[in-house]
Amino acid sequence: MAGGTVSGREDMLAQMAPRLDPVRYCFMVVTPSTAPLALGAAIGTFREDEGVTAIVPEDVADELGEEGPAFARITLMVHSSLEGFGLTAAVASTLAEHGIACNMIAAYHHDHAFVPAAEAERALALLSDLSASYR
């Protein structure tokens, strides 16, 4: 569906075309001392009652002295509708069935699965297979 959003579960899964980002990311809590660099480099942020979380490239987290696991981002290239349902559940369930943690982020154009960096290639293969099973 060129130029439009896809909302049907089967269509979203068939068209998700997962793509692995070569950059590794870390989730971190933003503090006043880390805010300028963290927020400037963040690919995403979320405000919670406890503070602001930023998703930053691993090298930025390292520069800021942040310790934590590195994640790979797999972007689902289908332009999924924000009102569509089932895509996140199918992706997270498939990865969970294979023991892979998954943090999903829905943005305007695409959904993004953050998986442990060491599992990136395996997760990509699983999601590619999932998509192929709907085509």
N, C-alpha and C. Protein backbone atom coordinates (compact mmCIF):
# COMPACT_ATOMS: atom_id res chain seq x y z
N MET A 1 0.84 -1.18 0.00
CA MET A 1 0.00 0.00 0.00
C MET A 1 0.88 1.24 0.00
N ALA A 2 1.36 1.63 -1.13
CA ALA A 2 2.31 2.74 -1.26
C ALA A 2 1.69 4.04 -0.79
N GLY A 3 2.38 4.71 0.11
CA GLY A 3 1.95 6.02 0.56
C GLY A 3 0.89 6.01 1.64
N GLY A 4 0.27 4.87 1.92
CA GLY A 4 -0.78 4.83 2.91
C GLY A 4 -0.41 3.95 4.09
N THR A 5 -1.25 4.02 5.11
CA THR A 5 -1.00 3.19 6.27
C THR A 5 -1.68 1.84 6.09
N VAL A 6 -1.13 0.86 6.76
CA VAL A 6 -1.66 -0.50 6.74
C VAL A 6 -2.19 -0.79 8.13
N SER A 7 -3.42 -1.29 8.22
CA SER A 7 -4.00 -1.52 9.54
C SER A 7 -4.41 -2.97 9.80
N GLY A 8 -4.61 -3.77 8.78
CA GLY A 8 -4.99 -5.17 9.01
C GLY A 8 -3.81 -5.97 9.53
N ARG A 9 -4.06 -6.80 10.54
CA ARG A 9 -2.99 -7.58 11.18
C ARG A 9 -2.18 -8.37 10.17
N GLU A 10 -2.85 -9.15 9.34
CA GLU A 10 -2.14 -9.99 8.38
C GLU A 10 -1.34 -9.15 7.38
N ASP A 11 -1.92 -8.04 6.93
CA ASP A 11 -1.22 -7.17 5.99
C ASP A 11 0.00 -6.52 6.64
N MET A 12 -0.14 -6.08 7.89
CA MET A 12 1.01 -5.48 8.59
C MET A 12 2.13 -6.50 8.73
N LEU A 13 1.79 -7.73 9.10
CA LEU A 13 2.81 -8.76 9.27
C LEU A 13 3.45 -9.13 7.93
N ALA A 14 2.66 -9.24 6.89
CA ALA A 14 3.19 -9.60 5.57
C ALA A 14 4.13 -8.53 5.03
N GLN A 15 3.82 -7.27 5.34
CA GLN A 15 4.58 -6.15 4.78
C GLN A 15 5.61 -5.56 5.74
N MET A 16 5.84 -6.17 6.90
CA MET A 16 6.68 -5.50 7.90
C MET A 16 8.14 -5.34 7.48
N ALA A 17 8.68 -6.17 6.62
CA ALA A 17 10.03 -6.01 6.09
C ALA A 17 11.03 -5.54 7.16
N PRO A 18 11.30 -6.37 8.17
CA PRO A 18 12.18 -5.95 9.25
C PRO A 18 13.59 -5.59 8.77
N ARG A 19 14.12 -4.49 9.31
CA ARG A 19 15.45 -4.00 8.91
C ARG A 19 16.27 -3.75 10.17
N LEU A 20 17.46 -4.31 10.21
CA LEU A 20 18.36 -4.17 11.36
C LEU A 20 19.22 -2.93 11.22
N ASP A 21 19.18 -2.09 12.23
CA ASP A 21 20.02 -0.89 12.30
C ASP A 21 21.40 -1.33 12.80
N PRO A 22 22.49 -0.91 12.16
CA PRO A 22 23.82 -1.33 12.62
C PRO A 22 24.25 -0.67 13.93
N VAL A 23 23.60 0.42 14.31
CA VAL A 23 23.96 1.12 15.55
C VAL A 23 23.38 0.35 16.74
N ARG A 24 24.11 0.31 17.83
CA ARG A 24 23.62 -0.28 19.08
C ARG A 24 23.18 0.85 19.99
N TYR A 25 22.13 0.60 20.78
CA TYR A 25 21.51 1.63 21.61
C TYR A 25 21.43 1.20 23.06
N CYS A 26 21.36 2.20 23.94
CA CYS A 26 21.15 1.97 25.36
C CYS A 26 19.99 2.84 25.83
N PHE A 27 19.26 2.35 26.80
CA PHE A 27 18.21 3.12 27.46
C PHE A 27 18.85 3.73 28.70
N MET A 28 18.61 5.00 28.93
CA MET A 28 19.20 5.66 30.10
C MET A 28 18.24 6.69 30.68
N VAL A 29 18.39 6.95 31.96
CA VAL A 29 17.62 8.01 32.62
C VAL A 29 18.40 9.30 32.45
N VAL A 30 17.71 10.33 32.00
CA VAL A 30 18.34 11.64 31.78
C VAL A 30 18.40 12.40 33.10
N THR A 31 19.57 12.96 33.39
CA THR A 31 19.76 13.81 34.57
C THR A 31 20.17 15.19 34.08
N PRO A 32 20.14 16.19 34.96
CA PRO A 32 20.57 17.52 34.50
C PRO A 32 21.97 17.53 33.90
N SER A 33 22.87 16.71 34.43
CA SER A 33 24.25 16.72 33.91
C SER A 33 24.37 15.97 32.58
N THR A 34 23.48 15.01 32.31
CA THR A 34 23.58 14.26 31.06
C THR A 34 22.64 14.79 29.98
N ALA A 35 21.72 15.67 30.35
CA ALA A 35 20.68 16.12 29.42
C ALA A 35 21.20 16.68 28.10
N PRO A 36 22.16 17.60 28.10
CA PRO A 36 22.56 18.17 26.81
C PRO A 36 23.01 17.13 25.79
N LEU A 37 23.89 16.23 26.20
CA LEU A 37 24.40 15.23 25.27
C LEU A 37 23.36 14.14 25.00
N ALA A 38 22.73 13.65 26.06
CA ALA A 38 21.77 12.55 25.90
C ALA A 38 20.59 12.96 25.03
N LEU A 39 20.01 14.11 25.32
CA LEU A 39 18.83 14.53 24.55
C LEU A 39 19.20 14.92 23.13
N GLY A 40 20.40 15.44 22.95
CA GLY A 40 20.84 15.79 21.60
C GLY A 40 21.09 14.58 20.72
N ALA A 41 21.45 13.47 21.33
CA ALA A 41 21.77 12.25 20.58
C ALA A 41 20.62 11.24 20.56
N ALA A 42 19.61 11.45 21.38
CA ALA A 42 18.53 10.46 21.55
C ALA A 42 17.74 10.25 20.26
N ILE A 43 17.42 8.98 20.00
CA ILE A 43 16.49 8.69 18.90
C ILE A 43 15.07 8.59 19.43
N GLY A 44 14.92 8.60 20.74
CA GLY A 44 13.60 8.57 21.34
C GLY A 44 13.68 8.90 22.81
N THR A 45 12.62 9.49 23.32
CA THR A 45 12.53 9.80 24.74
C THR A 45 11.12 9.48 25.23
N PHE A 46 11.01 9.28 26.52
CA PHE A 46 9.70 9.08 27.12
C PHE A 46 9.73 9.62 28.54
N ARG A 47 8.72 10.42 28.85
CA ARG A 47 8.62 11.02 30.19
C ARG A 47 7.72 10.15 31.05
N GLU A 48 8.25 9.74 32.21
CA GLU A 48 7.49 8.98 33.20
C GLU A 48 7.49 9.78 34.49
N ASP A 49 6.69 9.36 35.44
CA ASP A 49 6.65 10.06 36.73
C ASP A 49 8.03 10.12 37.37
N GLU A 50 8.84 9.07 37.17
CA GLU A 50 10.15 8.99 37.80
C GLU A 50 11.23 9.78 37.07
N GLY A 51 10.96 10.20 35.84
CA GLY A 51 11.96 10.95 35.08
C GLY A 51 11.84 10.68 33.60
N VAL A 52 12.85 11.14 32.86
CA VAL A 52 12.87 11.00 31.40
C VAL A 52 13.85 9.90 31.01
N THR A 53 13.38 8.98 30.16
CA THR A 53 14.22 7.94 29.60
C THR A 53 14.60 8.37 28.19
N ALA A 54 15.86 8.18 27.84
CA ALA A 54 16.33 8.46 26.48
C ALA A 54 16.93 7.18 25.91
N ILE A 55 16.72 6.98 24.62
CA ILE A 55 17.35 5.88 23.90
C ILE A 55 18.47 6.51 23.09
N VAL A 56 19.70 6.19 23.44
CA VAL A 56 20.87 6.84 22.83
C VAL A 56 21.81 5.80 22.23
N PRO A 57 22.60 6.21 21.24
CA PRO A 57 23.63 5.29 20.72
C PRO A 57 24.55 4.83 21.85
N GLU A 58 25.00 3.60 21.75
CA GLU A 58 25.84 3.02 22.80
C GLU A 58 27.08 3.86 23.09
N ASP A 59 27.69 4.44 22.05
CA ASP A 59 28.89 5.24 22.29
C ASP A 59 28.59 6.48 23.12
N VAL A 60 27.41 7.04 22.98
CA VAL A 60 27.01 8.20 23.80
C VAL A 60 26.80 7.75 25.24
N ALA A 61 26.15 6.63 25.44
CA ALA A 61 25.95 6.10 26.79
C ALA A 61 27.30 5.85 27.46
N ASP A 62 28.23 5.28 26.70
CA ASP A 62 29.57 5.02 27.23
C ASP A 62 30.26 6.32 27.62
N GLU A 63 30.15 7.34 26.76
CA GLU A 63 30.77 8.64 27.04
C GLU A 63 30.20 9.26 28.31
N LEU A 64 28.93 9.00 28.56
CA LEU A 64 28.27 9.55 29.76
C LEU A 64 28.46 8.67 30.99
N GLY A 65 29.18 7.57 30.83
CA GLY A 65 29.43 6.67 31.96
C GLY A 65 28.24 5.82 32.33
N GLU A 66 27.31 5.68 31.42
CA GLU A 66 26.12 4.86 31.67
C GLU A 66 26.46 3.39 31.46
N GLU A 67 26.03 2.57 32.38
CA GLU A 67 26.23 1.14 32.23
C GLU A 67 24.87 0.50 32.05
N GLY A 68 24.82 -0.43 31.16
CA GLY A 68 23.57 -1.12 30.91
C GLY A 68 23.69 -1.91 29.64
N PRO A 69 22.70 -2.73 29.38
CA PRO A 69 22.78 -3.57 28.19
C PRO A 69 22.64 -2.78 26.90
N ALA A 70 23.27 -3.30 25.86
CA ALA A 70 23.15 -2.71 24.52
C ALA A 70 22.04 -3.43 23.77
N PHE A 71 21.29 -2.66 23.03
CA PHE A 71 20.17 -3.19 22.25
C PHE A 71 20.36 -2.89 20.77
N ALA A 72 19.85 -3.80 19.96
CA ALA A 72 19.79 -3.59 18.52
C ALA A 72 18.37 -3.15 18.19
N ARG A 73 18.26 -2.26 17.21
CA ARG A 73 16.93 -1.80 16.78
C ARG A 73 16.58 -2.48 15.47
N ILE A 74 15.43 -3.12 15.47
CA ILE A 74 14.88 -3.69 14.24
C ILE A 74 13.65 -2.86 13.90
N THR A 75 13.71 -2.18 12.76
CA THR A 75 12.58 -1.35 12.33
C THR A 75 11.69 -2.18 11.42
N LEU A 76 10.41 -2.15 11.72
CA LEU A 76 9.42 -2.81 10.88
C LEU A 76 9.00 -1.78 9.84
N MET A 77 9.41 -2.01 8.61
CA MET A 77 9.32 -0.97 7.58
C MET A 77 7.91 -0.71 7.05
N VAL A 78 6.94 -1.52 7.44
CA VAL A 78 5.56 -1.25 7.05
C VAL A 78 5.10 0.03 7.74
N HIS A 79 4.38 0.87 7.01
CA HIS A 79 3.79 2.08 7.62
C HIS A 79 2.49 1.65 8.27
N SER A 80 2.62 1.14 9.49
CA SER A 80 1.48 0.59 10.21
C SER A 80 0.64 1.71 10.82
N SER A 81 -0.66 1.50 10.80
CA SER A 81 -1.59 2.45 11.39
C SER A 81 -1.42 2.46 12.90
N LEU A 82 -1.48 3.64 13.49
CA LEU A 82 -1.44 3.73 14.95
C LEU A 82 -2.68 3.10 15.58
N GLU A 83 -3.72 2.89 14.78
CA GLU A 83 -4.93 2.24 15.28
C GLU A 83 -5.01 0.77 14.90
N GLY A 84 -4.00 0.29 14.18
CA GLY A 84 -3.95 -1.12 13.84
C GLY A 84 -3.64 -1.93 15.09
N PHE A 85 -3.98 -3.21 15.06
CA PHE A 85 -3.69 -4.04 16.22
C PHE A 85 -3.17 -5.40 15.79
N GLY A 86 -2.35 -5.97 16.65
CA GLY A 86 -1.84 -7.31 16.43
C GLY A 86 -0.39 -7.40 16.03
N LEU A 87 0.15 -6.33 15.45
CA LEU A 87 1.55 -6.36 15.00
C LEU A 87 2.49 -6.49 16.19
N THR A 88 2.35 -5.63 17.16
CA THR A 88 3.22 -5.67 18.34
C THR A 88 3.12 -7.01 19.05
N ALA A 89 1.90 -7.49 19.22
CA ALA A 89 1.69 -8.77 19.91
C ALA A 89 2.37 -9.91 19.16
N ALA A 90 2.23 -9.94 17.84
CA ALA A 90 2.83 -11.02 17.05
C ALA A 90 4.35 -10.97 17.11
N VAL A 91 4.91 -9.78 17.00
CA VAL A 91 6.37 -9.62 17.04
C VAL A 91 6.89 -10.02 18.41
N ALA A 92 6.32 -9.45 19.47
CA ALA A 92 6.78 -9.74 20.83
C ALA A 92 6.60 -11.22 21.17
N SER A 93 5.49 -11.80 20.76
CA SER A 93 5.24 -13.22 21.06
C SER A 93 6.23 -14.12 20.34
N THR A 94 6.49 -13.84 19.08
CA THR A 94 7.45 -14.64 18.32
C THR A 94 8.81 -14.61 18.98
N LEU A 95 9.25 -13.42 19.35
CA LEU A 95 10.57 -13.30 19.99
C LEU A 95 10.57 -13.97 21.36
N ALA A 96 9.50 -13.79 22.13
CA ALA A 96 9.42 -14.40 23.46
C ALA A 96 9.45 -15.92 23.37
N GLU A 97 8.78 -16.48 22.37
CA GLU A 97 8.78 -17.94 22.20
C GLU A 97 10.19 -18.49 21.97
N HIS A 98 11.09 -17.64 21.54
CA HIS A 98 12.49 -18.04 21.30
C HIS A 98 13.44 -17.46 22.34
N GLY A 99 12.90 -16.97 23.45
CA GLY A 99 13.72 -16.49 24.55
C GLY A 99 14.43 -15.18 24.30
N ILE A 100 13.85 -14.34 23.43
CA ILE A 100 14.47 -13.05 23.12
C ILE A 100 13.62 -11.92 23.71
N ALA A 101 14.23 -11.12 24.56
CA ALA A 101 13.54 -9.96 25.12
C ALA A 101 13.27 -8.94 24.03
N CYS A 102 12.21 -8.18 24.19
CA CYS A 102 11.83 -7.21 23.16
C CYS A 102 11.17 -6.00 23.80
N ASN A 103 11.69 -4.84 23.49
CA ASN A 103 11.08 -3.58 23.92
C ASN A 103 10.57 -2.90 22.66
N MET A 104 9.26 -2.77 22.55
CA MET A 104 8.64 -2.20 21.36
C MET A 104 8.40 -0.70 21.53
N ILE A 105 8.66 0.04 20.48
CA ILE A 105 8.38 1.47 20.41
C ILE A 105 7.58 1.71 19.14
N ALA A 106 6.42 2.31 19.29
CA ALA A 106 5.62 2.67 18.13
C ALA A 106 5.84 4.15 17.84
N ALA A 107 6.24 4.45 16.63
CA ALA A 107 6.38 5.84 16.20
C ALA A 107 5.34 6.09 15.10
N TYR A 108 5.33 7.27 14.54
CA TYR A 108 4.28 7.62 13.58
C TYR A 108 4.30 6.74 12.34
N HIS A 109 5.49 6.52 11.77
CA HIS A 109 5.58 5.76 10.52
C HIS A 109 5.84 4.27 10.72
N HIS A 110 6.61 3.92 11.73
CA HIS A 110 7.02 2.52 11.89
C HIS A 110 7.04 2.11 13.35
N ASP A 111 7.05 0.81 13.55
CA ASP A 111 7.27 0.23 14.88
C ASP A 111 8.72 -0.24 14.93
N HIS A 112 9.29 -0.20 16.12
CA HIS A 112 10.69 -0.55 16.31
C HIS A 112 10.80 -1.55 17.46
N ALA A 113 11.51 -2.63 17.23
CA ALA A 113 11.75 -3.64 18.27
C ALA A 113 13.20 -3.51 18.71
N PHE A 114 13.39 -3.28 19.99
CA PHE A 114 14.74 -3.23 20.56
C PHE A 114 14.99 -4.56 21.24
N VAL A 115 16.00 -5.27 20.76
CA VAL A 115 16.32 -6.60 21.28
C VAL A 115 17.77 -6.59 21.77
N PRO A 116 18.12 -7.50 22.69
CA PRO A 116 19.51 -7.55 23.13
C PRO A 116 20.44 -7.67 21.92
N ALA A 117 21.49 -6.87 21.91
CA ALA A 117 22.39 -6.81 20.76
C ALA A 117 22.91 -8.18 20.35
N ALA A 118 23.19 -9.03 21.30
CA ALA A 118 23.72 -10.36 20.99
C ALA A 118 22.70 -11.24 20.26
N GLU A 119 21.44 -10.88 20.31
CA GLU A 119 20.38 -11.66 19.67
C GLU A 119 19.88 -11.02 18.38
N ALA A 120 20.53 -9.97 17.91
CA ALA A 120 20.02 -9.18 16.79
C ALA A 120 19.80 -10.01 15.53
N GLU A 121 20.79 -10.75 15.10
CA GLU A 121 20.67 -11.50 13.84
C GLU A 121 19.61 -12.59 13.95
N ARG A 122 19.56 -13.26 15.08
CA ARG A 122 18.56 -14.31 15.28
C ARG A 122 17.15 -13.70 15.29
N ALA A 123 17.00 -12.57 15.97
CA ALA A 123 15.70 -11.90 16.02
C ALA A 123 15.28 -11.45 14.63
N LEU A 124 16.20 -10.90 13.87
CA LEU A 124 15.89 -10.46 12.50
C LEU A 124 15.42 -11.64 11.65
N ALA A 125 16.10 -12.76 11.76
CA ALA A 125 15.71 -13.95 11.00
C ALA A 125 14.32 -14.44 11.40
N LEU A 126 14.04 -14.44 12.69
CA LEU A 126 12.72 -14.87 13.16
C LEU A 126 11.62 -13.95 12.64
N LEU A 127 11.86 -12.65 12.67
CA LEU A 127 10.85 -11.70 12.20
C LEU A 127 10.69 -11.76 10.68
N SER A 128 11.78 -12.00 9.98
CA SER A 128 11.69 -12.18 8.53
C SER A 128 10.87 -13.41 8.19
N ASP A 129 11.09 -14.49 8.93
CA ASP A 129 10.32 -15.71 8.73
C ASP A 129 8.85 -15.49 9.06
N LEU A 130 8.58 -14.77 10.14
CA LEU A 130 7.20 -14.46 10.51
C LEU A 130 6.51 -13.70 9.38
N SER A 131 7.18 -12.69 8.86
CA SER A 131 6.61 -11.90 7.77
C SER A 131 6.35 -12.77 6.54
N ALA A 132 7.31 -13.61 6.20
CA ALA A 132 7.16 -14.47 5.03
C ALA A 132 5.98 -15.44 5.17
N SER A 133 5.69 -15.84 6.39
CA SER A 133 4.58 -16.78 6.60
C SER A 133 3.21 -16.14 6.33
N TYR A 134 3.17 -14.82 6.23
CA TYR A 134 1.92 -14.11 5.93
C TYR A 134 1.82 -13.64 4.48
N ARG A 135 2.85 -13.90 3.70
CA ARG A 135 2.81 -13.49 2.29
C ARG A 135 2.34 -14.62 1.41
